[in-house]
Protein backbone atom coordinates (compact mmCIF):
# COMPACT_ATOMS: atom_id res chain seq x y z
CA MET A 1 0.00 0.00 0.00
CA THR A 2 2.83 2.42 -0.81
CA HIS A 3 3.55 5.02 -3.47
CA VAL A 4 -0.12 5.85 -4.04
CA HIS A 5 0.12 9.51 -3.09
CA GLU A 6 -1.27 10.81 -6.40
CA HIS A 7 -4.74 9.41 -5.69
CA ASP A 8 -7.59 10.13 -3.34
CA PRO A 9 -6.91 8.03 -0.21
CA SER A 10 -10.41 6.57 -0.41
CA ASP A 11 -9.36 4.84 -3.64
CA PHE A 12 -6.44 2.98 -2.06
CA TYR A 13 -8.50 -0.07 -1.13
CA SER A 14 -10.71 -0.62 -4.17
CA GLN A 15 -10.37 -3.43 -6.68
CA GLU A 16 -10.48 -0.88 -9.50
CA PHE A 17 -7.48 1.03 -8.14
CA TRP A 18 -5.29 -2.05 -7.69
CA ASP A 19 -6.37 -3.78 -10.90
CA GLU A 20 -5.44 -0.61 -12.78
CA ARG A 21 -2.12 -0.34 -11.01
CA TYR A 22 -1.13 -3.95 -11.69
CA SER A 23 -2.39 -3.80 -15.28
CA SER A 24 -0.43 -0.63 -16.06
CA THR A 25 3.01 -2.20 -15.57
CA GLY A 26 4.95 -5.39 -15.22
CA ALA A 27 5.79 -6.78 -11.81
CA VAL A 28 4.97 -4.21 -9.12
CA TRP A 29 6.87 -5.92 -6.30
CA SER A 30 10.33 -7.50 -6.14
CA GLY A 31 9.22 -11.11 -6.22
CA ASN A 32 11.07 -11.75 -2.96
CA PRO A 33 9.32 -12.64 0.29
CA ASN A 34 9.00 -9.87 2.86
CA GLN A 35 12.03 -9.69 5.14
CA ARG A 36 10.01 -9.64 8.37
CA LEU A 37 7.99 -12.69 7.33
CA VAL A 38 11.17 -14.68 6.77
CA GLU A 39 12.74 -13.45 10.03
CA GLN A 40 9.70 -14.18 12.17
CA THR A 41 8.47 -17.48 10.72
CA ALA A 42 11.47 -19.38 9.31
CA THR A 43 11.70 -21.59 12.40
CA LEU A 44 7.97 -22.25 12.83
CA THR A 45 6.50 -25.69 12.22
CA PRO A 46 4.63 -25.49 8.90
CA GLY A 47 0.87 -25.79 8.89
CA ARG A 48 -1.95 -23.83 7.33
CA ALA A 49 -1.10 -20.19 6.53
CA LEU A 50 -3.11 -17.16 5.42
CA ASP A 51 -1.42 -14.20 3.72
CA VAL A 52 -3.63 -11.11 3.65
CA GLY A 53 -3.02 -8.64 0.85
CA CYS A 54 -0.80 -11.12 -0.97
CA GLY A 55 -0.26 -9.05 -4.12
CA GLU A 56 1.74 -11.00 -6.69
CA GLY A 57 2.18 -13.88 -4.27
CA ALA A 58 5.84 -13.90 -3.23
CA ASP A 59 5.10 -14.53 0.45
CA VAL A 60 2.60 -17.30 -0.30
CA ILE A 61 5.04 -19.02 -2.67
CA TRP A 62 7.84 -18.75 -0.09
CA LEU A 63 5.58 -20.26 2.57
CA ALA A 64 4.55 -23.10 0.26
CA SER A 65 8.18 -23.78 -0.60
CA ASN A 66 8.84 -24.14 3.13
CA GLY A 67 6.13 -26.70 3.72
CA TRP A 68 3.07 -24.57 4.44
CA ASP A 69 -0.36 -24.94 2.88
CA ALA A 70 -0.74 -21.26 2.06
CA THR A 71 -3.75 -19.20 1.04
CA GLY A 72 -3.26 -15.73 -0.44
CA VAL A 73 -6.09 -13.20 -0.51
CA ASP A 74 -6.09 -9.87 -2.29
CA VAL A 75 -8.56 -7.36 -3.69
CA SER A 76 -6.98 -7.41 -7.17
CA THR A 77 -7.82 -10.20 -9.58
CA VAL A 78 -4.92 -9.07 -11.79
CA ALA A 79 -2.47 -9.57 -8.92
CA LEU A 80 -3.98 -12.95 -8.07
CA GLU A 81 -3.67 -14.12 -11.68
CA ARG A 82 0.00 -13.17 -11.62
CA ALA A 83 0.46 -14.92 -8.28
CA ALA A 84 -1.11 -18.14 -9.54
CA ALA A 85 1.06 -18.01 -12.65
CA GLN A 86 4.19 -17.54 -10.52
CA ALA A 87 3.20 -20.49 -8.35
CA ALA A 88 2.64 -22.65 -11.42
CA GLU A 89 6.06 -21.70 -12.78
CA ALA A 90 7.58 -22.79 -9.45
CA GLY A 91 6.27 -26.31 -10.06
CA ALA A 92 3.48 -28.53 -8.86
CA ALA A 93 5.20 -29.28 -5.55
CA ILE A 94 4.67 -25.61 -4.64
CA ALA A 95 1.57 -24.72 -6.67
CA ASP A 96 -0.41 -27.61 -5.17
CA HIS A 97 0.09 -26.05 -1.73
CA THR A 98 -1.20 -22.59 -2.72
CA THR A 99 -4.74 -21.23 -2.89
CA TRP A 100 -5.81 -17.80 -4.14
CA GLN A 101 -8.96 -15.86 -3.27
CA GLN A 102 -10.25 -12.41 -4.21
CA VAL A 103 -11.62 -10.51 -1.20
CA ASP A 104 -12.22 -6.98 0.01
CA ILE A 105 -10.32 -6.93 3.31
CA ARG A 106 -12.50 -4.09 4.61
CA SER A 107 -15.50 -6.41 4.91
CA TRP A 108 -14.16 -9.96 4.49
CA GLU A 109 -14.54 -12.38 7.38
CA PRO A 110 -11.86 -15.10 7.35
CA PRO A 111 -12.85 -18.44 8.86
CA THR A 112 -12.49 -18.46 12.63
CA GLY A 113 -9.71 -20.46 14.27
CA GLN A 114 -8.50 -22.16 11.12
CA PHE A 115 -4.89 -21.03 10.58
CA ASP A 116 -1.53 -21.82 12.15
CA LEU A 117 -0.18 -18.54 10.75
CA VAL A 118 -1.96 -15.37 9.70
CA SER A 119 0.31 -12.78 8.09
CA ALA A 120 -0.62 -9.25 7.03
CA GLN A 121 2.28 -7.35 5.49
CA PHE A 122 1.80 -3.60 4.99
CA MET A 123 -1.98 -3.46 5.04
CA GLN A 124 -2.15 0.29 5.67
CA LEU A 125 -5.74 1.05 6.60
CA PRO A 126 -6.91 4.02 8.67
CA GLU A 127 -8.75 3.58 11.93
CA PRO A 128 -11.27 2.24 12.75
CA ALA A 129 -10.96 -0.10 9.73
CA ARG A 130 -7.42 -1.15 10.70
CA GLY A 131 -8.35 -2.27 14.21
CA GLU A 132 -11.41 -4.10 12.91
CA LEU A 133 -9.26 -5.93 10.35
CA HIS A 134 -6.68 -6.89 12.95
CA ARG A 135 -9.40 -8.28 15.23
CA ARG A 136 -10.78 -10.43 12.41
CA LEU A 137 -7.30 -11.69 11.55
CA ALA A 138 -6.60 -12.54 15.18
CA ALA A 139 -9.86 -14.50 15.32
CA ALA A 140 -8.71 -16.57 12.34
CA VAL A 141 -5.72 -17.96 14.29
CA ARG A 142 -6.20 -21.32 15.97
CA PRO A 143 -4.84 -22.01 19.48
CA GLY A 144 -1.08 -22.41 19.25
CA GLY A 145 -1.05 -20.46 15.99
CA HIS A 146 0.77 -17.25 15.13
CA LEU A 147 -0.32 -13.77 14.09
CA LEU A 148 2.20 -11.59 12.24
CA ILE A 149 1.28 -7.98 11.45
CA VAL A 150 3.87 -5.76 9.76
CA GLY A 151 3.29 -2.17 8.74
CA HIS A 152 4.91 1.12 7.85
CA HIS A 153 5.91 2.92 11.05
CA PRO A 154 4.73 6.54 11.57
CA THR A 155 8.34 7.79 11.50
CA ASP A 156 8.44 6.89 7.79
CA MET A 157 6.40 10.04 7.14
CA HIS A 158 9.65 11.95 7.67
CA ALA A 159 11.75 9.73 5.40
CA SER A 160 12.44 10.40 1.72
CA VAL A 161 10.67 7.28 0.50
CA GLY A 162 7.46 8.69 -0.97
CA ARG A 163 4.93 7.55 1.58
CA PRO A 164 1.39 8.86 0.95
CA ASP A 165 0.58 12.01 2.90
CA VAL A 166 -2.00 10.18 5.01
CA PRO A 167 -0.53 9.84 8.52
CA ASP A 168 -3.47 7.84 9.87
CA ILE A 169 -2.59 4.79 7.77
CA MET A 170 0.76 4.39 9.55
CA PHE A 171 0.81 2.49 12.84
CA THR A 172 3.05 1.12 15.55
CA ALA A 173 3.36 -2.48 16.74
CA GLU A 174 1.93 -1.36 20.07
CA GLN A 175 -1.19 -0.07 18.34
CA ALA A 176 -1.61 -3.40 16.55
CA ALA A 177 -1.08 -5.31 19.80
CA ALA A 178 -3.78 -3.29 21.57
CA VAL A 179 -6.54 -5.33 19.89
CA LEU A 180 -5.28 -8.60 21.42
CA ASP A 181 -6.65 -9.97 24.69
CA PRO A 182 -3.55 -10.57 26.87
CA GLU A 183 -5.27 -13.57 28.44
CA ASN A 184 -5.33 -15.28 25.04
CA TRP A 185 -2.10 -14.06 23.45
CA GLU A 186 1.63 -14.11 24.14
CA ILE A 187 3.57 -11.32 22.45
CA LEU A 188 6.76 -12.67 20.84
CA ALA A 189 7.80 -9.44 19.10
CA CYS A 190 6.52 -5.89 19.38
CA ALA A 191 9.17 -3.72 17.79
CA ALA A 192 10.18 -1.18 15.16
CA PRO A 193 13.30 -2.60 13.46
CA ALA A 194 15.03 -0.39 10.91
CA ARG A 195 16.17 -1.27 7.40
CA GLU A 196 17.69 0.56 4.47
CA ILE A 197 16.02 0.96 1.11
CA THR A 198 16.64 3.08 -1.99
CA ASP A 199 14.36 6.11 -2.21
CA PRO A 200 12.80 7.36 -5.47
CA ASP A 201 15.85 9.58 -6.09
CA GLY A 202 18.24 6.64 -5.82
CA ASN A 203 19.56 7.52 -2.37
CA LEU A 204 19.75 5.20 0.61
CA ALA A 205 17.08 5.89 3.22
CA THR A 206 16.41 4.32 6.61
CA ILE A 207 12.86 3.27 7.38
CA LYS A 208 11.22 1.38 10.22
CA ASP A 209 8.73 -1.46 10.17
CA ALA A 210 6.09 -1.95 12.84
CA VAL A 211 6.38 -5.66 13.69
CA LEU A 212 3.88 -7.52 15.87
CA HIS A 213 4.28 -11.28 16.26
CA ALA A 214 2.03 -13.04 18.74
CA VAL A 215 1.00 -16.62 19.47
CA ARG A 216 -2.50 -17.57 20.61
CA SER A 217 -2.32 -19.39 23.91
CA HIS A 218 -5.91 -20.64 23.87
């Protein structure tokens, strides 16, 4: 949900916006799995995973290649078609462990208590929609399962990386954690690790990710 600052913020979440964006160019994303997903889940026992806002499918394909049965959901049918094609190119051993579904995350209700891992990478919604989404995603995690929410940290608004001028869509890990009942969840990570990327002018810039990783105790 980045680099969309030339549009009305209310358009950011529509199928039309994202279908147009994906259709207007080749690959939008790098094709590599998100760094925080790899860091936080590489040692987990594979099971059933849900990737929310999967885009062109790199995280889902990485999960499937590491033994997970992975479902990717996204608002854009164009992105999902690309994701399925990428999975097919990776071979049946991976493609057979991937599922793709078109949903509007603002209203979609994932099945309750069905996933060993629910991952949402950079789903930048404003409140109250963000908190409502995070509650639904938490409800989709089965006991013993993991919830991983990663977002753009509010300090990125001051970095030279072209974030949209909509401060309310940024959030901290603490804000994400606030929707979890401490009696039912153990927080494994609640942090804002930094990383370097190249900004639109070709210069190195330091940004922070909001990283919440929690496991459902019961």
